[in-house]
Protein backbone atom coordinates (compact mmCIF):
# COMPACT_ATOMS: atom_id res chain seq x y z
CA UNK A 1 -30.36 36.16 20.04
CA UNK A 2 -32.10 32.76 19.61
CA UNK A 3 -35.78 32.10 20.23
CA UNK A 4 -34.88 30.33 23.34
CA UNK A 5 -32.95 33.21 24.53
CA UNK A 6 -35.89 35.62 23.73
CA UNK A 7 -38.51 33.29 25.50
CA UNK A 8 -36.22 33.37 28.66
CA UNK A 9 -35.88 37.24 28.47
CA UNK A 10 -39.66 37.62 28.14
CA UNK A 11 -40.43 35.50 31.01
CA UNK A 12 -37.82 37.36 33.19
CA UNK A 13 -39.25 40.74 32.09
CA UNK A 14 -43.01 39.59 33.08
CA UNK A 15 -41.91 38.40 36.49
CA UNK A 16 -39.30 41.02 37.42
CA UNK A 17 -41.24 42.05 40.26
CA UNK A 18 -42.01 38.69 41.44
CA UNK A 19 -41.21 34.87 41.47
CA UNK A 20 -39.90 33.41 38.15
CA UNK A 21 -41.95 30.51 36.79
CA UNK A 22 -39.10 27.89 36.45
CA UNK A 23 -41.58 25.22 35.32
CA UNK A 24 -42.52 27.58 32.33
CA UNK A 25 -39.01 27.89 31.48
CA UNK A 26 -38.40 24.31 31.49
CA UNK A 27 -41.27 23.63 29.36
CA UNK A 28 -40.45 26.13 26.86
CA UNK A 29 -36.93 25.11 26.54
CA UNK A 30 -37.88 21.43 26.12
CA UNK A 31 -40.44 22.39 23.31
CA UNK A 32 -37.79 24.46 21.50
CA UNK A 33 -35.06 21.64 21.84
CA UNK A 34 -37.49 19.13 20.08
CA UNK A 35 -38.23 21.61 17.37
CA UNK A 36 -34.50 22.07 16.84
CA UNK A 37 -33.75 18.39 16.90
CA UNK A 38 -36.49 17.66 14.42
CA UNK A 39 -34.75 20.34 11.94
CA UNK A 40 -31.49 18.89 12.15
CA UNK A 41 -32.67 15.32 11.57
CA UNK A 42 -34.59 16.60 8.38
CA UNK A 43 -31.51 18.49 7.32
CA UNK A 44 -29.35 15.27 7.72
CA UNK A 45 -31.95 13.19 6.03
CA UNK A 46 -31.88 15.50 3.02
CA UNK A 47 -28.06 15.43 2.86
CA UNK A 48 -28.02 11.54 2.94
CA UNK A 49 -30.62 11.34 0.24
CA UNK A 50 -28.37 13.89 -1.78
CA UNK A 51 -25.61 11.50 -1.31
CA UNK A 52 -27.31 8.45 -2.47
CA UNK A 53 -28.83 10.13 -5.50
CA UNK A 54 -25.95 11.96 -6.69
CA UNK A 55 -23.20 9.17 -5.76
CA UNK A 56 -21.10 11.76 -3.50
CA UNK A 57 -19.61 9.06 -1.38
CA UNK A 58 -15.99 9.55 -0.84
CA UNK A 59 -15.99 13.22 -1.77
CA UNK A 60 -14.58 15.85 0.47
CA UNK A 61 -17.17 18.49 0.61
CA UNK A 62 -18.46 21.67 2.28
CA UNK A 63 -21.22 21.83 5.00
CA UNK A 64 -24.56 20.11 3.88
CA UNK A 65 -26.96 20.24 6.54
CA UNK A 66 -24.49 20.34 9.46
CA UNK A 67 -22.59 17.38 8.02
CA UNK A 68 -19.37 19.15 7.50
CA UNK A 69 -16.19 17.37 5.99
CA UNK A 70 -15.88 13.92 4.94
CA UNK A 71 -18.83 11.60 5.75
CA UNK A 72 -17.98 9.15 8.60
CA UNK A 73 -18.16 5.96 6.60
CA UNK A 74 -15.76 7.55 3.73
CA UNK A 75 -12.78 8.02 6.22
CA UNK A 76 -9.65 6.33 4.57
CA UNK A 77 -8.60 3.05 6.14
CA UNK A 78 -4.86 2.44 6.20
CA UNK A 79 -3.98 -0.51 4.08
CA UNK A 80 -2.85 -3.59 5.85
CA UNK A 81 -0.02 -5.48 4.14
CA UNK A 82 -0.80 -9.16 3.57
CA UNK A 83 0.68 -11.77 6.19
CA UNK A 84 4.37 -12.58 4.91
CA UNK A 85 5.07 -15.91 3.22
CA UNK A 86 8.54 -17.11 2.92
CA UNK A 87 9.60 -16.77 -0.69
CA UNK A 88 10.22 -19.67 -2.74
CA UNK A 89 13.53 -21.26 -3.01
CA UNK A 90 13.71 -21.51 -6.99
CA UNK A 91 15.13 -24.83 -8.27
CA UNK A 92 15.05 -26.62 -4.71
CA UNK A 93 12.91 -29.61 -4.54
CA UNK A 94 10.57 -30.23 -1.68
CA UNK A 95 10.62 -32.90 0.94
CA UNK A 96 8.39 -35.13 -0.94
CA UNK A 97 10.56 -35.09 -3.96
CA UNK A 98 14.06 -35.22 -2.27
CA UNK A 99 13.88 -36.32 1.40
CA UNK A 100 17.67 -36.25 1.69
CA UNK A 101 17.62 -32.42 1.52
CA UNK A 102 15.49 -31.91 4.52
CA UNK A 103 17.55 -30.24 7.30
CA UNK A 104 20.60 -30.19 5.23
CA UNK A 105 20.47 -26.40 4.37
CA UNK A 106 19.91 -23.88 7.23
CA UNK A 107 18.69 -21.33 4.72
CA UNK A 108 15.91 -23.52 3.26
CA UNK A 109 12.81 -25.04 4.43
CA UNK A 110 11.66 -27.85 2.15
CA UNK A 111 7.98 -27.69 2.93
CA UNK A 112 5.33 -24.89 3.24
CA UNK A 113 1.56 -24.30 3.86
CA UNK A 114 -1.34 -22.92 1.75
CA UNK A 115 -1.38 -19.27 2.94
CA UNK A 116 -5.07 -19.08 2.04
CA UNK A 117 -5.72 -21.45 4.79
CA UNK A 118 -3.24 -20.63 7.76
CA UNK A 119 -0.76 -17.80 8.49
CA UNK A 120 2.85 -18.06 9.05
CA UNK A 121 3.86 -16.82 12.53
CA UNK A 122 7.59 -17.94 12.33
CA UNK A 123 10.09 -20.46 10.60
CA UNK A 124 13.20 -21.87 11.67
CA UNK A 125 15.89 -24.33 10.63
CA UNK A 126 17.87 -25.47 13.63
CA UNK A 127 20.36 -28.50 13.41
CA UNK A 128 18.68 -30.80 11.02
CA UNK A 129 15.21 -29.87 12.00
CA UNK A 130 12.95 -27.55 10.14
CA UNK A 131 9.83 -25.96 11.75
CA UNK A 132 7.20 -23.42 11.36
CA UNK A 133 4.38 -22.10 13.38
CA UNK A 134 1.03 -21.13 11.99
CA UNK A 135 -2.16 -19.58 13.10
CA UNK A 136 -5.34 -21.08 11.79
CA UNK A 137 -7.48 -18.59 12.95
CA UNK A 138 -9.35 -20.78 15.18
CA UNK A 139 -7.40 -21.03 18.48
CA UNK A 140 -3.73 -21.32 19.70
CA UNK A 141 -0.88 -21.68 17.14
CA UNK A 142 0.38 -24.82 15.63
CA UNK A 143 3.95 -25.84 15.55
CA UNK A 144 5.21 -28.31 12.73
CA UNK A 145 8.64 -29.95 12.95
CA UNK A 146 10.24 -31.93 10.06
CA UNK A 147 13.35 -33.95 10.01
CA UNK A 148 14.88 -36.83 8.03
CA UNK A 149 14.84 -39.20 11.03
CA UNK A 150 12.47 -39.52 14.22
CA UNK A 151 15.93 -39.38 16.39
CA UNK A 152 16.23 -35.83 15.34
CA UNK A 153 12.82 -35.20 16.81
CA UNK A 154 13.02 -37.39 19.73
CA UNK A 155 15.44 -34.95 21.45
CA UNK A 156 13.30 -32.01 21.05
CA UNK A 157 10.27 -30.49 22.89
CA UNK A 158 7.35 -29.26 20.89
CA UNK A 159 4.77 -26.91 22.15
CA UNK A 160 5.21 -28.15 25.83
CA UNK A 161 5.21 -31.81 24.77
CA UNK A 162 8.52 -33.32 26.25
CA UNK A 163 10.95 -35.42 24.31
CA UNK A 164 10.00 -38.39 26.56
CA UNK A 165 6.37 -38.06 25.38
CA UNK A 166 7.70 -38.23 21.79
CA UNK A 167 9.67 -41.41 22.41
CA UNK A 168 7.08 -43.24 24.25
CA UNK A 169 3.78 -42.20 22.54
CA UNK A 170 4.60 -41.24 19.04
CA UNK A 171 4.85 -43.72 16.37
CA UNK A 172 4.80 -41.63 13.21
CA UNK A 173 1.91 -43.51 11.95
CA UNK A 174 -0.58 -40.64 11.60
CA UNK A 175 -1.94 -41.16 15.14
CA UNK A 176 -2.85 -38.36 17.57
CA UNK A 177 -2.21 -38.20 21.17
CA UNK A 178 -3.94 -35.65 23.69
CA UNK A 179 -2.68 -34.14 26.86
CA UNK A 180 -5.59 -34.06 29.31
CA UNK A 181 -6.47 -31.54 32.00
CA UNK A 182 -6.74 -32.04 35.66
CA UNK A 183 -9.95 -33.87 35.36
CA UNK A 184 -8.07 -36.78 33.47
CA UNK A 185 -10.48 -36.77 30.61
CA UNK A 186 -10.59 -33.23 28.95
CA UNK A 187 -7.95 -32.81 26.07
CA UNK A 188 -5.98 -29.36 26.72
CA UNK A 189 -3.58 -30.13 23.85
CA UNK A 190 -2.88 -32.34 20.78
CA UNK A 191 -0.07 -33.74 18.93
CA UNK A 192 0.22 -35.78 15.78
CA UNK A 193 3.02 -37.60 14.22
CA UNK A 194 3.41 -38.91 10.72
CA UNK A 195 5.52 -39.69 7.71
CA UNK A 196 4.29 -37.42 4.95
CA UNK A 197 6.57 -39.19 2.52
CA UNK A 198 9.24 -41.93 2.83
CA UNK A 199 12.30 -40.69 4.59
CA UNK A 200 10.37 -37.67 6.15
CA UNK A 201 9.26 -37.50 9.62
CA UNK A 202 6.86 -34.73 10.91
CA UNK A 203 4.94 -33.82 13.99
CA UNK A 204 2.40 -31.18 14.73
CA UNK A 205 1.28 -29.83 18.11
CA UNK A 206 -1.01 -27.23 19.54
CA UNK A 207 -2.07 -26.23 23.04
CA UNK A 208 -5.60 -26.29 21.80
CA UNK A 209 -8.05 -28.89 23.09
CA UNK A 210 -9.89 -28.57 19.96
CA UNK A 211 -8.64 -31.22 17.69
CA UNK A 212 -10.08 -29.25 14.68
CA UNK A 213 -7.28 -26.62 15.22
CA UNK A 214 -4.53 -29.25 14.59
CA UNK A 215 -6.22 -30.80 11.63
CA UNK A 216 -6.66 -27.36 9.86
CA UNK A 217 -2.72 -26.81 10.12
CA UNK A 218 -1.90 -30.33 9.09
CA UNK A 219 -4.35 -30.10 5.87
CA UNK A 220 -2.66 -26.83 4.99
CA UNK A 221 0.96 -28.28 4.65
CA UNK A 222 2.44 -28.59 1.36
CA UNK A 223 5.33 -30.97 0.88
CA UNK A 224 6.11 -30.47 -2.87
CA UNK A 225 7.72 -26.93 -2.28
CA UNK A 226 10.77 -25.25 -0.72
CA UNK A 227 10.93 -21.92 0.63
CA UNK A 228 13.67 -19.67 1.89
CA UNK A 229 14.45 -18.98 5.57
CA UNK A 230 14.18 -15.28 4.81
CA UNK A 231 14.34 -12.30 7.03
CA UNK A 232 14.89 -8.55 6.80
CA UNK A 233 18.48 -9.19 6.96
CA UNK A 234 20.88 -11.44 4.98
CA UNK A 235 24.27 -12.05 5.89
CA UNK A 236 26.52 -13.50 2.99
CA UNK A 237 30.00 -12.14 3.81
CA UNK A 238 30.93 -14.73 6.42
CA UNK A 239 34.30 -14.93 8.14
CA UNK A 240 36.65 -17.21 6.59
CA UNK A 241 36.04 -20.94 7.12
CA UNK A 242 32.50 -20.24 8.83
CA UNK A 243 29.04 -21.21 7.84
CA UNK A 244 25.55 -20.11 8.73
CA UNK A 245 24.38 -23.15 11.09
CA UNK A 246 20.83 -21.97 11.78
CA UNK A 247 18.17 -19.39 10.81
CA UNK A 248 14.92 -18.20 12.30
CA UNK A 249 12.42 -15.45 11.57
CA UNK A 250 9.46 -14.24 13.62
CA UNK A 251 6.67 -12.38 12.13
CA UNK A 252 3.82 -13.03 14.44
CA UNK A 253 3.63 -9.08 14.88
CA UNK A 254 4.28 -8.11 11.30
CA UNK A 255 4.26 -5.57 10.29
CA UNK A 256 5.07 -3.57 13.30
CA UNK A 257 7.68 -6.01 14.64
CA UNK A 258 9.83 -8.42 13.08
CA UNK A 259 12.79 -10.46 14.60
CA UNK A 260 15.40 -12.81 13.21
CA UNK A 261 18.41 -14.73 14.33
CA UNK A 262 21.20 -16.47 12.86
CA UNK A 263 24.01 -18.64 14.10
CA UNK A 264 27.54 -18.65 12.43
CA UNK A 265 29.73 -21.53 13.30
CA UNK A 266 33.51 -22.16 12.89
CA UNK A 267 35.50 -24.89 14.44
CA UNK A 268 33.33 -25.28 17.52
CA UNK A 269 32.89 -21.58 18.05
CA UNK A 270 29.58 -19.50 17.68
CA UNK A 271 28.77 -16.16 16.68
CA UNK A 272 25.05 -15.25 17.10
CA UNK A 273 23.58 -12.45 14.98
CA UNK A 274 20.42 -10.86 16.19
CA UNK A 275 17.94 -8.67 14.15
CA UNK A 276 15.03 -6.56 15.54
CA UNK A 277 12.85 -4.04 13.60
CA UNK A 278 10.22 -2.12 15.44
CA UNK A 279 8.08 0.73 14.07
CA UNK A 280 8.16 2.46 17.17
CA UNK A 281 11.96 2.29 18.01
CA UNK A 282 14.39 5.04 17.46
CA UNK A 283 17.76 5.34 15.90
CA UNK A 284 20.73 4.34 17.98
CA UNK A 285 23.73 6.76 17.12
CA UNK A 286 26.14 5.87 19.91
CA UNK A 287 29.41 4.57 18.29
CA UNK A 288 32.90 3.70 19.23
CA UNK A 289 33.93 1.85 16.02
CA UNK A 290 33.75 2.25 12.33
CA UNK A 291 33.72 -0.81 9.93
CA UNK A 292 33.53 -0.34 6.28
CA UNK A 293 32.31 3.26 6.80
CA UNK A 294 29.67 2.10 9.07
CA UNK A 295 29.28 3.31 12.65
CA UNK A 296 29.38 0.50 15.48
CA UNK A 297 29.32 0.20 19.10
CA UNK A 298 31.18 -2.23 21.13
CA UNK A 299 30.21 -2.88 24.73
CA UNK A 300 33.21 -2.17 26.91
CA UNK A 301 34.70 -5.37 28.25
CA UNK A 302 32.28 -7.46 26.34
CA UNK A 303 31.67 -9.44 23.29
CA UNK A 304 28.81 -7.58 21.77
CA UNK A 305 28.83 -5.40 18.79
CA UNK A 306 25.89 -3.32 17.56
CA UNK A 307 25.63 -1.80 13.92
CA UNK A 308 24.03 1.69 14.77
CA UNK A 309 22.49 4.37 12.48
CA UNK A 310 19.92 2.25 11.03
CA UNK A 311 16.35 3.87 11.79
CA UNK A 312 14.01 1.53 13.71
CA UNK A 313 16.48 -1.52 13.45
CA UNK A 314 18.90 -3.29 16.09
CA UNK A 315 21.56 -5.42 14.49
CA UNK A 316 23.82 -7.18 17.02
CA UNK A 317 26.51 -9.89 16.76
CA UNK A 318 27.34 -11.68 20.01
CA UNK A 319 30.58 -13.64 20.08
CA UNK A 320 30.79 -16.53 22.68
CA UNK A 321 33.91 -16.55 24.84
CA UNK A 322 33.69 -20.09 26.02
CA UNK A 323 35.44 -21.27 22.63
CA UNK A 324 37.39 -18.40 21.10
CA UNK A 325 37.06 -18.47 17.44
CA UNK A 326 35.71 -15.14 16.19
CA UNK A 327 37.45 -11.70 16.59
CA UNK A 328 35.79 -8.27 16.84
CA UNK A 329 36.82 -7.40 13.52
CA UNK A 330 35.19 -10.20 11.81
CA UNK A 331 32.02 -9.62 13.72
CA UNK A 332 32.03 -5.84 12.59
CA UNK A 333 32.70 -6.65 9.15
CA UNK A 334 29.93 -9.24 9.07
CA UNK A 335 27.44 -6.61 10.27
CA UNK A 336 28.83 -3.78 7.94
CA UNK A 337 28.33 -6.07 4.91
CA UNK A 338 24.85 -7.39 5.91
CA UNK A 339 22.05 -6.87 3.28
CA UNK A 340 19.11 -4.97 5.03
CA UNK A 341 15.66 -4.60 3.81
CA UNK A 342 14.89 -1.09 2.54
CA UNK A 343 11.46 -1.43 4.14
CA UNK A 344 11.16 -4.27 6.69
CA UNK A 345 7.42 -3.94 6.79
CA UNK A 346 7.36 -4.58 3.20
CA UNK A 347 8.39 -8.30 2.27
CA UNK A 348 9.08 -7.53 -1.27
CA UNK A 349 12.18 -5.53 -0.12
CA UNK A 350 13.71 -8.34 1.98
CA UNK A 351 16.96 -9.60 0.61
């Protein structure tokens, strides 16, 4: 029986034949509560002093003055992998060294950024335009597009700026142009166009009204390097006579989610390959085909084929029907021969 229990029992016995003094009970309980709190604080202070003197931080230990188990500040913090950076394309010159290579290889970006200043969110080579999107840590993302001619950029939108704006406003002389809000004065977005090297045209845009966000991204660009348009999947065994025409990887939610897309072309026909890795995804096992010993599923009556049985990964090939050119078997073999990352959340395992 505790001190408080004994006090309550004593008061009740004294007043068994009369009215209970509730005020006395309350005062007594408060007094004992304050005493107990003081004892606990003293014990905790002693334990903390011992930790500081003996260097016990991080040690799993028994109860010390009510501080059982691991002390709160010593709990292990899961390691967060560094933001992904496209691997270098060894032996390939950057845009400043060889402008003619820009947009010529859909698997290579002929420029990059300083990863200590900004973070890659996605990268893409589409047609003859190379692009990346980065996070400066100070506002909305910044998109950068690079091509060998301004005509290649004139037909593209960038971050909400129309192609018409590009043709009429951008002179690729380093100038900046803002889109203003409804008041007609306050910038709500910025775009800049310039030539980082002879024969190279670039533009950058952001939906931020803060011009410094755009400036940070532009200052982080590097024109003397080349990087692979890498993804957790690599398709090398292409159907005869076909080529990879475009490449895109999105790592904005890395390491929990990574997506990629490729276009394979042949005689005007297109096969699109989609990849998706998600840490919370399950494993699809429904199959009605097998290619090179790997199970696959073809949507009945459709032109979509999925490679199944890969944990947390969706890998799909879609064959367009407007221009016949790829067979189901070719799509199945392409997926079956695809090289997949052992751990998509670890960039070092990407093929």
